[in-house]
């Protein structure tokens, strides 16, 4: 865990895209367990993006990845954003819970009389192609949420224009290089648009978990982060008792309990939010058997898993899977 990192899901989505484009060998795409604790160092990710650009000779590779991302790679953040009741609340979700996908930079919102700018300021050095992938992904994800005809005014990039770029054509909007900041510009009058996956009840249920998810990632307590990693590793084995996790961290049980409490968590709460995040991400792929998902997150019986998912999301597992189906998991063509 570092100040600048990205989720493994996002990094693997890029590896899959780069492999599909012939820019990286297949061995560079590593299958990840859908869950927010697995992270990739941001500067390593940036180097991988630049290597893919250099290998392909395509300076627009980052933009093309952004255009392809759709719902893929955003994990639980994407699901929470997609289920918000309006585009304005989707944007608020993106700002609030961005660390679930990336801690490479900071999102901000700037309003003018007619436009809203969703800005992004990097915390660490990030190559232009990675910046273009992140902001291009916002454009594509917005269209994924509310329709391909959503009127994006412009994508603004702080770095200098390349000699040749197809970014405008790839994203279907004006791309302005040398801007004051990195931003996606949209008209204010579309903020009330309803995302096609809007589900007020599911969005509210996920919101109860996501602040804790961000706390695990960004709270600064390595014991909590490492506990999350241990729980994820052991879920399918059923080895996630409080004593076993404390032992794996080299802590006494009461010391472990105090560390969790200092971060506003209990062991049960931490284990449930990890189970919920993995289960919802897997179900949203739409391709796995419910029993397989149940067993992966530590439930021996599908009925017990169904009750837990209802408690976590106010929806049955089949309802969660049906809401997104396979088009959420796939990269856009």
C-alpha atoms as a PDB file:
ATOM      1  CA  UNK A   1       0.000   0.000   0.000  1.00  0.00           C
ATOM      2  CA  UNK A   2       1.370   3.395  -0.981  1.00  0.00           C
ATOM      3  CA  UNK A   3       0.073   6.875  -1.561  1.00  0.00           C
ATOM      4  CA  UNK A   4      -0.008   6.207  -5.300  1.00  0.00           C
ATOM      5  CA  UNK A   5      -1.478   2.883  -6.378  1.00  0.00           C
ATOM      6  CA  UNK A   6      -4.257   1.372  -8.472  1.00  0.00           C
ATOM      7  CA  UNK A   7      -6.517  -1.595  -7.883  1.00  0.00           C
ATOM      8  CA  UNK A   8      -5.382  -4.883  -9.338  1.00  0.00           C
ATOM      9  CA  UNK A   9      -8.653  -5.084 -11.280  1.00  0.00           C
ATOM     10  CA  UNK A  10      -7.860  -1.817 -13.077  1.00  0.00           C
ATOM     11  CA  UNK A  11      -4.258  -2.848 -13.780  1.00  0.00           C
ATOM     12  CA  UNK A  12      -5.402  -6.215 -15.129  1.00  0.00           C
ATOM     13  CA  UNK A  13      -8.015  -4.547 -17.327  1.00  0.00           C
ATOM     14  CA  UNK A  14      -5.194  -2.529 -18.890  1.00  0.00           C
ATOM     15  CA  UNK A  15      -3.038  -5.645 -19.306  1.00  0.00           C
ATOM     16  CA  UNK A  16      -5.937  -7.421 -21.031  1.00  0.00           C
ATOM     17  CA  UNK A  17      -6.499  -4.444 -23.328  1.00  0.00           C
ATOM     18  CA  UNK A  18      -2.787  -4.078 -24.143  1.00  0.00           C
ATOM     19  CA  UNK A  19      -2.525  -7.792 -24.875  1.00  0.00           C
ATOM     20  CA  UNK A  20      -5.568  -7.593 -27.133  1.00  0.00           C
ATOM     21  CA  UNK A  21      -3.867  -4.690 -28.913  1.00  0.00           C
ATOM     22  CA  UNK A  22      -0.603  -6.639 -29.270  1.00  0.00           C
ATOM     23  CA  UNK A  23       1.288  -4.230 -27.002  1.00  0.00           C
ATOM     24  CA  UNK A  24       2.027  -6.667 -24.156  1.00  0.00           C
ATOM     25  CA  UNK A  25       2.577 -10.452 -23.966  1.00  0.00           C
ATOM     26  CA  UNK A  26      -0.274 -12.524 -22.534  1.00  0.00           C
ATOM     27  CA  UNK A  27       1.849 -13.412 -19.491  1.00  0.00           C
ATOM     28  CA  UNK A  28       1.569  -9.799 -18.296  1.00  0.00           C
ATOM     29  CA  UNK A  29      -2.173 -10.143 -17.724  1.00  0.00           C
ATOM     30  CA  UNK A  30      -2.672 -11.780 -14.317  1.00  0.00           C
ATOM     31  CA  UNK A  31      -6.102 -12.942 -13.230  1.00  0.00           C
ATOM     32  CA  UNK A  32      -7.068 -11.118 -10.043  1.00  0.00           C
ATOM     33  CA  UNK A  33      -9.612 -11.930  -7.385  1.00  0.00           C
ATOM     34  CA  UNK A  34     -12.277  -9.190  -7.569  1.00  0.00           C
ATOM     35  CA  UNK A  35     -11.658  -7.309  -4.349  1.00  0.00           C
ATOM     36  CA  UNK A  36     -10.355  -3.902  -3.461  1.00  0.00           C
ATOM     37  CA  UNK A  37      -7.408  -4.820  -1.221  1.00  0.00           C
ATOM     38  CA  UNK A  38      -5.186  -6.122  -4.029  1.00  0.00           C
ATOM     39  CA  UNK A  39      -3.178  -3.145  -5.250  1.00  0.00           C
ATOM     40  CA  UNK A  40      -0.457  -2.346  -7.792  1.00  0.00           C
ATOM     41  CA  UNK A  41       2.116   0.382  -7.166  1.00  0.00           C
ATOM     42  CA  UNK A  42       1.117   3.404  -9.228  1.00  0.00           C
ATOM     43  CA  UNK A  43       4.558   4.176 -10.594  1.00  0.00           C
ATOM     44  CA  UNK A  44       5.002   0.537 -11.628  1.00  0.00           C
ATOM     45  CA  UNK A  45       1.628   0.743 -13.361  1.00  0.00           C
ATOM     46  CA  UNK A  46       2.677   3.967 -15.088  1.00  0.00           C
ATOM     47  CA  UNK A  47       5.859   2.312 -16.332  1.00  0.00           C
ATOM     48  CA  UNK A  48       3.819  -0.613 -17.665  1.00  0.00           C
ATOM     49  CA  UNK A  49       1.551   1.780 -19.548  1.00  0.00           C
ATOM     50  CA  UNK A  50       4.529   3.601 -21.049  1.00  0.00           C
ATOM     51  CA  UNK A  51       6.175   0.304 -22.024  1.00  0.00           C
ATOM     52  CA  UNK A  52       2.988  -0.695 -23.846  1.00  0.00           C
ATOM     53  CA  UNK A  53       2.907   2.655 -25.662  1.00  0.00           C
ATOM     54  CA  UNK A  54       6.558   2.287 -26.691  1.00  0.00           C
ATOM     55  CA  UNK A  55       6.112  -1.345 -27.768  1.00  0.00           C
ATOM     56  CA  UNK A  56       3.038  -0.584 -29.856  1.00  0.00           C
ATOM     57  CA  UNK A  57       4.250   2.705 -31.287  1.00  0.00           C
ATOM     58  CA  UNK A  58       0.745   4.016 -30.580  1.00  0.00           C
ATOM     59  CA  UNK A  59       0.870   7.267 -28.600  1.00  0.00           C
ATOM     60  CA  UNK A  60      -2.934   7.133 -28.304  1.00  0.00           C
ATOM     61  CA  UNK A  61      -2.933   3.751 -26.559  1.00  0.00           C
ATOM     62  CA  UNK A  62      -3.971   5.302 -23.228  1.00  0.00           C
ATOM     63  CA  UNK A  63      -6.945   7.056 -24.822  1.00  0.00           C
ATOM     64  CA  UNK A  64      -7.961   3.836 -26.581  1.00  0.00           C
ATOM     65  CA  UNK A  65      -7.830   1.980 -23.251  1.00  0.00           C
ATOM     66  CA  UNK A  66      -9.993   4.638 -21.618  1.00  0.00           C
ATOM     67  CA  UNK A  67     -12.547   4.331 -24.419  1.00  0.00           C
ATOM     68  CA  UNK A  68     -12.619   0.540 -23.925  1.00  0.00           C
ATOM     69  CA  UNK A  69     -12.891   0.377 -20.149  1.00  0.00           C
ATOM     70  CA  UNK A  70     -16.693   0.600 -19.776  1.00  0.00           C
ATOM     71  CA  UNK A  71     -17.565  -0.830 -16.367  1.00  0.00           C
ATOM     72  CA  UNK A  72     -14.544  -3.104 -16.340  1.00  0.00           C
ATOM     73  CA  UNK A  73     -11.764  -2.277 -13.917  1.00  0.00           C
ATOM     74  CA  UNK A  74     -13.762  -0.025 -11.599  1.00  0.00           C
ATOM     75  CA  UNK A  75     -14.839  -2.904  -9.363  1.00  0.00           C
ATOM     76  CA  UNK A  76     -17.101  -1.999  -6.451  1.00  0.00           C
ATOM     77  CA  UNK A  77     -16.676   1.722  -7.190  1.00  0.00           C
ATOM     78  CA  UNK A  78     -18.122   1.174 -10.655  1.00  0.00           C
ATOM     79  CA  UNK A  79     -21.087  -0.726  -9.280  1.00  0.00           C
ATOM     80  CA  UNK A  80     -21.833   1.914  -6.657  1.00  0.00           C
ATOM     81  CA  UNK A  81     -21.483   4.666  -9.262  1.00  0.00           C
ATOM     82  CA  UNK A  82     -23.658   2.833 -11.782  1.00  0.00           C
ATOM     83  CA  UNK A  83     -26.509   2.310  -9.322  1.00  0.00           C
ATOM     84  CA  UNK A  84     -26.762   5.948  -8.227  1.00  0.00           C
ATOM     85  CA  UNK A  85     -30.162   7.516  -8.999  1.00  0.00           C
ATOM     86  CA  UNK A  86     -28.743  10.409 -11.069  1.00  0.00           C
ATOM     87  CA  UNK A  87     -25.583  11.339 -12.946  1.00  0.00           C
ATOM     88  CA  UNK A  88     -24.907  14.013 -10.345  1.00  0.00           C
ATOM     89  CA  UNK A  89     -24.940  11.398  -7.586  1.00  0.00           C
ATOM     90  CA  UNK A  90     -22.798   9.111  -9.753  1.00  0.00           C
ATOM     91  CA  UNK A  91     -20.170  11.858  -9.900  1.00  0.00           C
ATOM     92  CA  UNK A  92     -20.436  12.401  -6.150  1.00  0.00           C
ATOM     93  CA  UNK A  93     -19.851   8.664  -5.671  1.00  0.00           C
ATOM     94  CA  UNK A  94     -16.792   8.790  -7.923  1.00  0.00           C
ATOM     95  CA  UNK A  95     -15.318  11.657  -5.903  1.00  0.00           C
ATOM     96  CA  UNK A  96     -16.135  10.101  -2.536  1.00  0.00           C
ATOM     97  CA  UNK A  97     -14.917   6.575  -3.183  1.00  0.00           C
ATOM     98  CA  UNK A  98     -12.203   6.990  -5.833  1.00  0.00           C
ATOM     99  CA  UNK A  99      -9.523   5.321  -3.615  1.00  0.00           C
ATOM    100  CA  UNK A 100     -11.246   1.986  -4.241  1.00  0.00           C
ATOM    101  CA  UNK A 101      -9.859   2.147  -7.789  1.00  0.00           C
ATOM    102  CA  UNK A 102      -6.888   4.501  -7.565  1.00  0.00           C
ATOM    103  CA  UNK A 103      -4.922   6.676  -5.166  1.00  0.00           C
ATOM    104  CA  UNK A 104      -2.754   8.111  -7.939  1.00  0.00           C
ATOM    105  CA  UNK A 105      -4.521  11.454  -7.819  1.00  0.00           C
ATOM    106  CA  UNK A 106      -7.334  13.552  -6.439  1.00  0.00           C
ATOM    107  CA  UNK A 107     -10.707  14.190  -8.060  1.00  0.00           C
ATOM    108  CA  UNK A 108     -12.350  17.590  -7.804  1.00  0.00           C
ATOM    109  CA  UNK A 109     -15.482  19.291  -9.141  1.00  0.00           C
ATOM    110  CA  UNK A 110     -15.542  22.809 -10.540  1.00  0.00           C
ATOM    111  CA  UNK A 111     -18.748  24.482 -11.711  1.00  0.00           C
ATOM    112  CA  UNK A 112     -19.152  27.402 -14.047  1.00  0.00           C
ATOM    113  CA  UNK A 113     -22.359  28.990 -15.293  1.00  0.00           C
ATOM    114  CA  UNK A 114     -23.034  26.263 -17.882  1.00  0.00           C
ATOM    115  CA  UNK A 115     -20.452  23.527 -17.352  1.00  0.00           C
ATOM    116  CA  UNK A 116     -19.088  21.144 -14.761  1.00  0.00           C
ATOM    117  CA  UNK A 117     -15.431  20.141 -14.783  1.00  0.00           C
ATOM    118  CA  UNK A 118     -14.522  16.816 -13.187  1.00  0.00           C
ATOM    119  CA  UNK A 119     -10.826  17.437 -12.511  1.00  0.00           C
ATOM    120  CA  UNK A 120      -7.980  15.073 -11.710  1.00  0.00           C
ATOM    121  CA  UNK A 121      -4.694  16.130 -10.083  1.00  0.00           C
ATOM    122  CA  UNK A 122      -1.982  13.434  -9.800  1.00  0.00           C
ATOM    123  CA  UNK A 123      -0.209  12.885  -6.482  1.00  0.00           C
ATOM    124  CA  UNK A 124       2.791  11.245  -8.149  1.00  0.00           C
ATOM    125  CA  UNK A 125       4.486  11.415 -11.542  1.00  0.00           C
ATOM    126  CA  UNK A 126       2.200   9.690 -14.065  1.00  0.00           C
ATOM    127  CA  UNK A 127       2.945   9.348 -17.802  1.00  0.00           C
ATOM    128  CA  UNK A 128       0.556  11.175 -20.158  1.00  0.00           C
ATOM    129  CA  UNK A 129      -0.819   7.908 -21.542  1.00  0.00           C
ATOM    130  CA  UNK A 130      -1.943   6.828 -18.064  1.00  0.00           C
ATOM    131  CA  UNK A 131      -3.628  10.199 -17.469  1.00  0.00           C
ATOM    132  CA  UNK A 132      -5.396   9.895 -20.812  1.00  0.00           C
ATOM    133  CA  UNK A 133      -6.529   6.390 -19.884  1.00  0.00           C
ATOM    134  CA  UNK A 134      -7.989   7.551 -16.560  1.00  0.00           C
ATOM    135  CA  UNK A 135      -9.874  10.562 -17.942  1.00  0.00           C
ATOM    136  CA  UNK A 136     -10.811   8.819 -21.180  1.00  0.00           C
ATOM    137  CA  UNK A 137     -12.239   6.086 -18.976  1.00  0.00           C
ATOM    138  CA  UNK A 138     -14.469   8.628 -17.264  1.00  0.00           C
ATOM    139  CA  UNK A 139     -15.838   9.709 -20.639  1.00  0.00           C
ATOM    140  CA  UNK A 140     -16.495   6.101 -21.665  1.00  0.00           C
ATOM    141  CA  UNK A 141     -17.954   5.172 -18.278  1.00  0.00           C
ATOM    142  CA  UNK A 142     -20.321   8.150 -18.393  1.00  0.00           C
ATOM    143  CA  UNK A 143     -21.603   6.927 -21.744  1.00  0.00           C
ATOM    144  CA  UNK A 144     -21.822   3.417 -20.359  1.00  0.00           C
ATOM    145  CA  UNK A 145     -24.047   4.790 -17.591  1.00  0.00           C
ATOM    146  CA  UNK A 146     -26.373   7.174 -19.390  1.00  0.00           C
ATOM    147  CA  UNK A 147     -26.034   6.423 -23.110  1.00  0.00           C
ATOM    148  CA  UNK A 148     -23.590   6.777 -25.970  1.00  0.00           C
ATOM    149  CA  UNK A 149     -25.054  10.151 -26.954  1.00  0.00           C
ATOM    150  CA  UNK A 150     -24.195  11.863 -23.658  1.00  0.00           C
ATOM    151  CA  UNK A 151     -22.913  15.337 -24.659  1.00  0.00           C
ATOM    152  CA  UNK A 152     -19.323  15.553 -23.407  1.00  0.00           C
ATOM    153  CA  UNK A 153     -18.048  19.063 -24.133  1.00  0.00           C
ATOM    154  CA  UNK A 154     -14.333  18.257 -23.976  1.00  0.00           C
ATOM    155  CA  UNK A 155     -11.527  16.267 -22.417  1.00  0.00           C
ATOM    156  CA  UNK A 156      -8.863  18.695 -21.163  1.00  0.00           C
ATOM    157  CA  UNK A 157      -5.275  17.540 -20.624  1.00  0.00           C
ATOM    158  CA  UNK A 158      -2.524  19.541 -18.940  1.00  0.00           C
ATOM    159  CA  UNK A 159       0.295  18.003 -20.999  1.00  0.00           C
ATOM    160  CA  UNK A 160       1.349  19.245 -24.430  1.00  0.00           C
ATOM    161  CA  UNK A 161      -0.282  18.109 -27.665  1.00  0.00           C
ATOM    162  CA  UNK A 162       1.486  15.385 -29.615  1.00  0.00           C
ATOM    163  CA  UNK A 163       2.465  15.929 -33.225  1.00  0.00           C
ATOM    164  CA  UNK A 164      -0.304  13.534 -34.263  1.00  0.00           C
ATOM    165  CA  UNK A 165      -3.215  12.309 -32.200  1.00  0.00           C
ATOM    166  CA  UNK A 166      -6.503  10.576 -32.916  1.00  0.00           C
ATOM    167  CA  UNK A 167      -7.808  11.222 -29.398  1.00  0.00           C
ATOM    168  CA  UNK A 168     -10.747  13.349 -30.573  1.00  0.00           C
ATOM    169  CA  UNK A 169     -11.948  10.632 -32.937  1.00  0.00           C
ATOM    170  CA  UNK A 170     -11.383   7.825 -30.410  1.00  0.00           C
ATOM    171  CA  UNK A 171     -13.411   9.520 -27.658  1.00  0.00           C
ATOM    172  CA  UNK A 172     -15.916  11.283 -29.883  1.00  0.00           C
ATOM    173  CA  UNK A 173     -15.379  14.665 -28.240  1.00  0.00           C
ATOM    174  CA  UNK A 174     -12.950  17.575 -28.412  1.00  0.00           C
ATOM    175  CA  UNK A 175      -9.608  16.899 -26.715  1.00  0.00           C
ATOM    176  CA  UNK A 176      -7.796  20.031 -25.542  1.00  0.00           C
ATOM    177  CA  UNK A 177      -4.088  19.688 -24.798  1.00  0.00           C
ATOM    178  CA  UNK A 178      -2.079  22.201 -22.755  1.00  0.00           C
ATOM    179  CA  UNK A 179      -5.075  22.985 -20.541  1.00  0.00           C
ATOM    180  CA  UNK A 180      -4.890  24.477 -17.060  1.00  0.00           C
ATOM    181  CA  UNK A 181      -5.754  21.102 -15.519  1.00  0.00           C
ATOM    182  CA  UNK A 182      -6.832  17.582 -16.406  1.00  0.00           C
ATOM    183  CA  UNK A 183     -10.621  17.523 -16.630  1.00  0.00           C
ATOM    184  CA  UNK A 184     -13.715  16.131 -18.289  1.00  0.00           C
ATOM    185  CA  UNK A 185     -16.128  18.952 -19.157  1.00  0.00           C
ATOM    186  CA  UNK A 186     -19.870  18.262 -19.310  1.00  0.00           C
ATOM    187  CA  UNK A 187     -22.929  20.545 -19.478  1.00  0.00           C
ATOM    188  CA  UNK A 188     -24.692  21.180 -16.185  1.00  0.00           C
ATOM    189  CA  UNK A 189     -28.063  20.376 -17.695  1.00  0.00           C
ATOM    190  CA  UNK A 190     -27.345  16.631 -17.936  1.00  0.00           C
ATOM    191  CA  UNK A 191     -26.675  16.131 -14.211  1.00  0.00           C
ATOM    192  CA  UNK A 192     -30.228  14.940 -13.606  1.00  0.00           C
ATOM    193  CA  UNK A 193     -29.882  12.140 -16.173  1.00  0.00           C
ATOM    194  CA  UNK A 194     -30.783   8.718 -14.746  1.00  0.00           C
ATOM    195  CA  UNK A 195     -28.099   6.007 -15.110  1.00  0.00           C
ATOM    196  CA  UNK A 196     -29.432   2.879 -16.806  1.00  0.00           C
ATOM    197  CA  UNK A 197     -28.428   0.723 -13.808  1.00  0.00           C
ATOM    198  CA  UNK A 198     -29.980   3.094 -11.252  1.00  0.00           C
ATOM    199  CA  UNK A 199     -31.121   1.187  -8.182  1.00  0.00           C
ATOM    200  CA  UNK A 200     -31.675   3.425  -5.173  1.00  0.00           C
ATOM    201  CA  UNK A 201     -31.945   0.570  -2.693  1.00  0.00           C
ATOM    202  CA  UNK A 202     -28.784  -1.209  -3.844  1.00  0.00           C
ATOM    203  CA  UNK A 203     -26.842   2.068  -4.034  1.00  0.00           C
ATOM    204  CA  UNK A 204     -27.836   2.948  -0.464  1.00  0.00           C
ATOM    205  CA  UNK A 205     -26.904  -0.522   0.780  1.00  0.00           C
ATOM    206  CA  UNK A 206     -23.463  -0.364  -0.860  1.00  0.00           C
ATOM    207  CA  UNK A 207     -22.882   3.123   0.541  1.00  0.00           C
ATOM    208  CA  UNK A 208     -23.053   1.647   4.051  1.00  0.00           C
ATOM    209  CA  UNK A 209     -19.948  -0.408   3.218  1.00  0.00           C
ATOM    210  CA  UNK A 210     -17.891   1.824   0.996  1.00  0.00           C
ATOM    211  CA  UNK A 211     -16.698   4.352   3.546  1.00  0.00           C
ATOM    212  CA  UNK A 212     -15.281   1.434   5.539  1.00  0.00           C
ATOM    213  CA  UNK A 213     -13.682   0.077   2.364  1.00  0.00           C
ATOM    214  CA  UNK A 214     -11.917   3.405   1.826  1.00  0.00           C
ATOM    215  CA  UNK A 215     -10.870   3.441   5.477  1.00  0.00           C
ATOM    216  CA  UNK A 216      -9.173   0.047   5.061  1.00  0.00           C
ATOM    217  CA  UNK A 217      -7.274   1.357   2.029  1.00  0.00           C
ATOM    218  CA  UNK A 218      -6.384   4.838   3.144  1.00  0.00           C
ATOM    219  CA  UNK A 219      -6.578   4.863   6.915  1.00  0.00           C
ATOM    220  CA  UNK A 220      -2.825   4.517   7.265  1.00  0.00           C
ATOM    221  CA  UNK A 221      -2.942   1.502   9.602  1.00  0.00           C
ATOM    222  CA  UNK A 222      -0.923  -1.284   8.020  1.00  0.00           C
ATOM    223  CA  UNK A 223      -2.409  -3.862  10.410  1.00  0.00           C
ATOM    224  CA  UNK A 224      -5.915  -3.207   9.075  1.00  0.00           C
ATOM    225  CA  UNK A 225      -4.757  -3.345   5.454  1.00  0.00           C
ATOM    226  CA  UNK A 226      -2.760  -6.539   6.080  1.00  0.00           C
ATOM    227  CA  UNK A 227      -5.698  -8.075   7.941  1.00  0.00           C
ATOM    228  CA  UNK A 228      -7.851  -7.432   4.879  1.00  0.00           C
ATOM    229  CA  UNK A 229      -5.294  -9.120   2.648  1.00  0.00           C
ATOM    230  CA  UNK A 230      -5.108 -12.156   4.959  1.00  0.00           C
ATOM    231  CA  UNK A 231      -8.891 -12.467   5.097  1.00  0.00           C
ATOM    232  CA  UNK A 232      -9.160 -12.311   1.305  1.00  0.00           C
ATOM    233  CA  UNK A 233      -6.475 -14.978   0.941  1.00  0.00           C
ATOM    234  CA  UNK A 234      -8.229 -17.304   3.381  1.00  0.00           C
ATOM    235  CA  UNK A 235     -11.920 -16.758   2.654  1.00  0.00           C
ATOM    236  CA  UNK A 236     -12.378 -19.805   0.442  1.00  0.00           C
ATOM    237  CA  UNK A 237     -10.504 -21.975   2.968  1.00  0.00           C
ATOM    238  CA  UNK A 238     -12.754 -20.926   5.838  1.00  0.00           C
ATOM    239  CA  UNK A 239      -9.689 -19.840   7.851  1.00  0.00           C
ATOM    240  CA  UNK A 240     -10.877 -16.355   8.767  1.00  0.00           C
ATOM    241  CA  UNK A 241     -11.499 -16.502  12.489  1.00  0.00           C
ATOM    242  CA  UNK A 242     -10.378 -13.508  14.510  1.00  0.00           C
ATOM    243  CA  UNK A 243      -7.746 -15.597  16.323  1.00  0.00           C
ATOM    244  CA  UNK A 244      -6.251 -16.967  13.100  1.00  0.00           C
ATOM    245  CA  UNK A 245      -6.019 -13.535  11.472  1.00  0.00           C
ATOM    246  CA  UNK A 246      -4.486 -11.970  14.592  1.00  0.00           C
ATOM    247  CA  UNK A 247      -1.972 -14.814  14.722  1.00  0.00           C
ATOM    248  CA  UNK A 248      -1.152 -14.298  11.043  1.00  0.00           C
ATOM    249  CA  UNK A 249      -0.385 -10.649  11.808  1.00  0.00           C
ATOM    250  CA  UNK A 250       1.770 -11.548  14.799  1.00  0.00           C
ATOM    251  CA  UNK A 251      -0.597  -9.701  17.167  1.00  0.00           C
ATOM    252  CA  UNK A 252      -2.376 -10.696  20.336  1.00  0.00           C
ATOM    253  CA  UNK A 253      -6.134 -10.918  19.848  1.00  0.00           C
ATOM    254  CA  UNK A 254      -6.867  -7.928  22.115  1.00  0.00           C
ATOM    255  CA  UNK A 255      -4.179  -5.827  20.444  1.00  0.00           C
ATOM    256  CA  UNK A 256      -5.736  -6.658  17.066  1.00  0.00           C
ATOM    257  CA  UNK A 257      -9.187  -5.728  18.372  1.00  0.00           C
ATOM    258  CA  UNK A 258      -7.875  -2.376  19.613  1.00  0.00           C
ATOM    259  CA  UNK A 259      -6.239  -1.620  16.245  1.00  0.00           C
ATOM    260  CA  UNK A 260      -9.513  -2.319  14.463  1.00  0.00           C
ATOM    261  CA  UNK A 261     -11.506  -0.255  16.949  1.00  0.00           C
ATOM    262  CA  UNK A 262      -9.139   2.695  16.469  1.00  0.00           C
ATOM    263  CA  UNK A 263     -10.163   2.606  12.801  1.00  0.00           C
ATOM    264  CA  UNK A 264     -13.874   2.348  13.566  1.00  0.00           C
ATOM    265  CA  UNK A 265     -14.047  -1.350  12.688  1.00  0.00           C
ATOM    266  CA  UNK A 266     -14.729  -4.685  14.316  1.00  0.00           C
ATOM    267  CA  UNK A 267     -13.429  -7.980  12.995  1.00  0.00           C
ATOM    268  CA  UNK A 268     -16.888  -9.073  11.871  1.00  0.00           C
ATOM    269  CA  UNK A 269     -17.457  -5.753  10.099  1.00  0.00           C
ATOM    270  CA  UNK A 270     -14.097  -6.021   8.292  1.00  0.00           C
ATOM    271  CA  UNK A 271     -14.715  -9.617   7.209  1.00  0.00           C
ATOM    272  CA  UNK A 272     -18.245  -8.843   6.021  1.00  0.00           C
ATOM    273  CA  UNK A 273     -17.214  -5.830   3.952  1.00  0.00           C
ATOM    274  CA  UNK A 274     -14.523  -7.928   2.256  1.00  0.00           C
ATOM    275  CA  UNK A 275     -16.984 -10.723   1.603  1.00  0.00           C
ATOM    276  CA  UNK A 276     -19.529  -8.238   0.290  1.00  0.00           C
ATOM    277  CA  UNK A 277     -17.067  -6.476  -2.029  1.00  0.00           C
ATOM    278  CA  UNK A 278     -15.811  -9.715  -3.557  1.00  0.00           C
ATOM    279  CA  UNK A 279     -19.274 -11.262  -3.845  1.00  0.00           C
ATOM    280  CA  UNK A 280     -20.877  -8.222  -5.509  1.00  0.00           C
ATOM    281  CA  UNK A 281     -18.002  -7.879  -7.997  1.00  0.00           C
ATOM    282  CA  UNK A 282     -18.138 -11.567  -8.911  1.00  0.00           C
ATOM    283  CA  UNK A 283     -21.913 -11.628  -9.188  1.00  0.00           C
ATOM    284  CA  UNK A 284     -21.850  -8.557 -11.439  1.00  0.00           C
ATOM    285  CA  UNK A 285     -19.729 -10.436 -13.952  1.00  0.00           C
ATOM    286  CA  UNK A 286     -22.804 -12.552 -14.628  1.00  0.00           C
ATOM    287  CA  UNK A 287     -20.900 -15.711 -15.572  1.00  0.00           C
ATOM    288  CA  UNK A 288     -20.251 -17.643 -12.330  1.00  0.00           C
ATOM    289  CA  UNK A 289     -22.487 -20.169 -10.579  1.00  0.00           C
ATOM    290  CA  UNK A 290     -23.937 -18.788  -7.349  1.00  0.00           C
ATOM    291  CA  UNK A 291     -22.574 -21.731  -5.350  1.00  0.00           C
ATOM    292  CA  UNK A 292     -19.054 -21.077  -6.688  1.00  0.00           C
ATOM    293  CA  UNK A 293     -19.247 -17.428  -5.611  1.00  0.00           C
ATOM    294  CA  UNK A 294     -20.656 -18.469  -2.238  1.00  0.00           C
ATOM    295  CA  UNK A 295     -17.845 -20.925  -1.595  1.00  0.00           C
ATOM    296  CA  UNK A 296     -15.212 -18.447  -2.734  1.00  0.00           C
ATOM    297  CA  UNK A 297     -16.261 -16.001  -0.011  1.00  0.00           C
ATOM    298  CA  UNK A 298     -16.493 -18.687   2.670  1.00  0.00           C
ATOM    299  CA  UNK A 299     -20.090 -19.960   2.627  1.00  0.00           C
ATOM    300  CA  UNK A 300     -20.628 -23.700   2.442  1.00  0.00           C
ATOM    301  CA  UNK A 301     -24.321 -23.386   1.532  1.00  0.00           C
ATOM    302  CA  UNK A 302     -25.986 -21.259  -1.129  1.00  0.00           C
ATOM    303  CA  UNK A 303     -28.967 -20.502   1.138  1.00  0.00           C
ATOM    304  CA  UNK A 304     -26.718 -18.961   3.799  1.00  0.00           C
ATOM    305  CA  UNK A 305     -24.941 -16.950   1.117  1.00  0.00           C
ATOM    306  CA  UNK A 306     -28.259 -15.691  -0.258  1.00  0.00           C
ATOM    307  CA  UNK A 307     -29.292 -14.436   3.187  1.00  0.00           C
ATOM    308  CA  UNK A 308     -25.950 -12.672   3.600  1.00  0.00           C
ATOM    309  CA  UNK A 309     -26.162 -10.975   0.191  1.00  0.00           C
ATOM    310  CA  UNK A 310     -29.686  -9.785   1.023  1.00  0.00           C
ATOM    311  CA  UNK A 311     -28.312  -8.290   4.228  1.00  0.00           C
ATOM    312  CA  UNK A 312     -25.395  -6.619   2.409  1.00  0.00           C
ATOM    313  CA  UNK A 313     -27.224  -5.307  -0.670  1.00  0.00           C
ATOM    314  CA  UNK A 314     -30.998  -5.551  -0.064  1.00  0.00           C
ATOM    315  CA  UNK A 315     -31.030  -7.763  -3.174  1.00  0.00           C
ATOM    316  CA  UNK A 316     -30.755 -11.504  -3.830  1.00  0.00           C
ATOM    317  CA  UNK A 317     -27.605 -12.773  -5.566  1.00  0.00           C
ATOM    318  CA  UNK A 318     -29.597 -13.448  -8.752  1.00  0.00           C
ATOM    319  CA  UNK A 319     -30.963  -9.903  -8.726  1.00  0.00           C
ATOM    320  CA  UNK A 320     -27.449  -8.458  -8.390  1.00  0.00           C
ATOM    321  CA  UNK A 321     -26.181 -10.658 -11.222  1.00  0.00           C
ATOM    322  CA  UNK A 322     -29.173  -9.863 -13.431  1.00  0.00           C
ATOM    323  CA  UNK A 323     -28.796  -6.101 -12.948  1.00  0.00           C
ATOM    324  CA  UNK A 324     -25.414  -5.904 -14.665  1.00  0.00           C
ATOM    325  CA  UNK A 325     -25.134  -9.163 -16.608  1.00  0.00           C
ATOM    326  CA  UNK A 326     -22.072  -9.887 -18.748  1.00  0.00           C
ATOM    327  CA  UNK A 327     -21.789  -6.451 -20.391  1.00  0.00           C
ATOM    328  CA  UNK A 328     -20.477  -4.975 -17.126  1.00  0.00           C
ATOM    329  CA  UNK A 329     -17.505  -7.338 -16.990  1.00  0.00           C
ATOM    330  CA  UNK A 330     -16.359  -7.093 -20.598  1.00  0.00           C
ATOM    331  CA  UNK A 331     -14.087  -4.494 -22.136  1.00  0.00           C
ATOM    332  CA  UNK A 332     -15.893  -2.377 -24.718  1.00  0.00           C
ATOM    333  CA  UNK A 333     -15.130  -3.058 -28.368  1.00  0.00           C
END
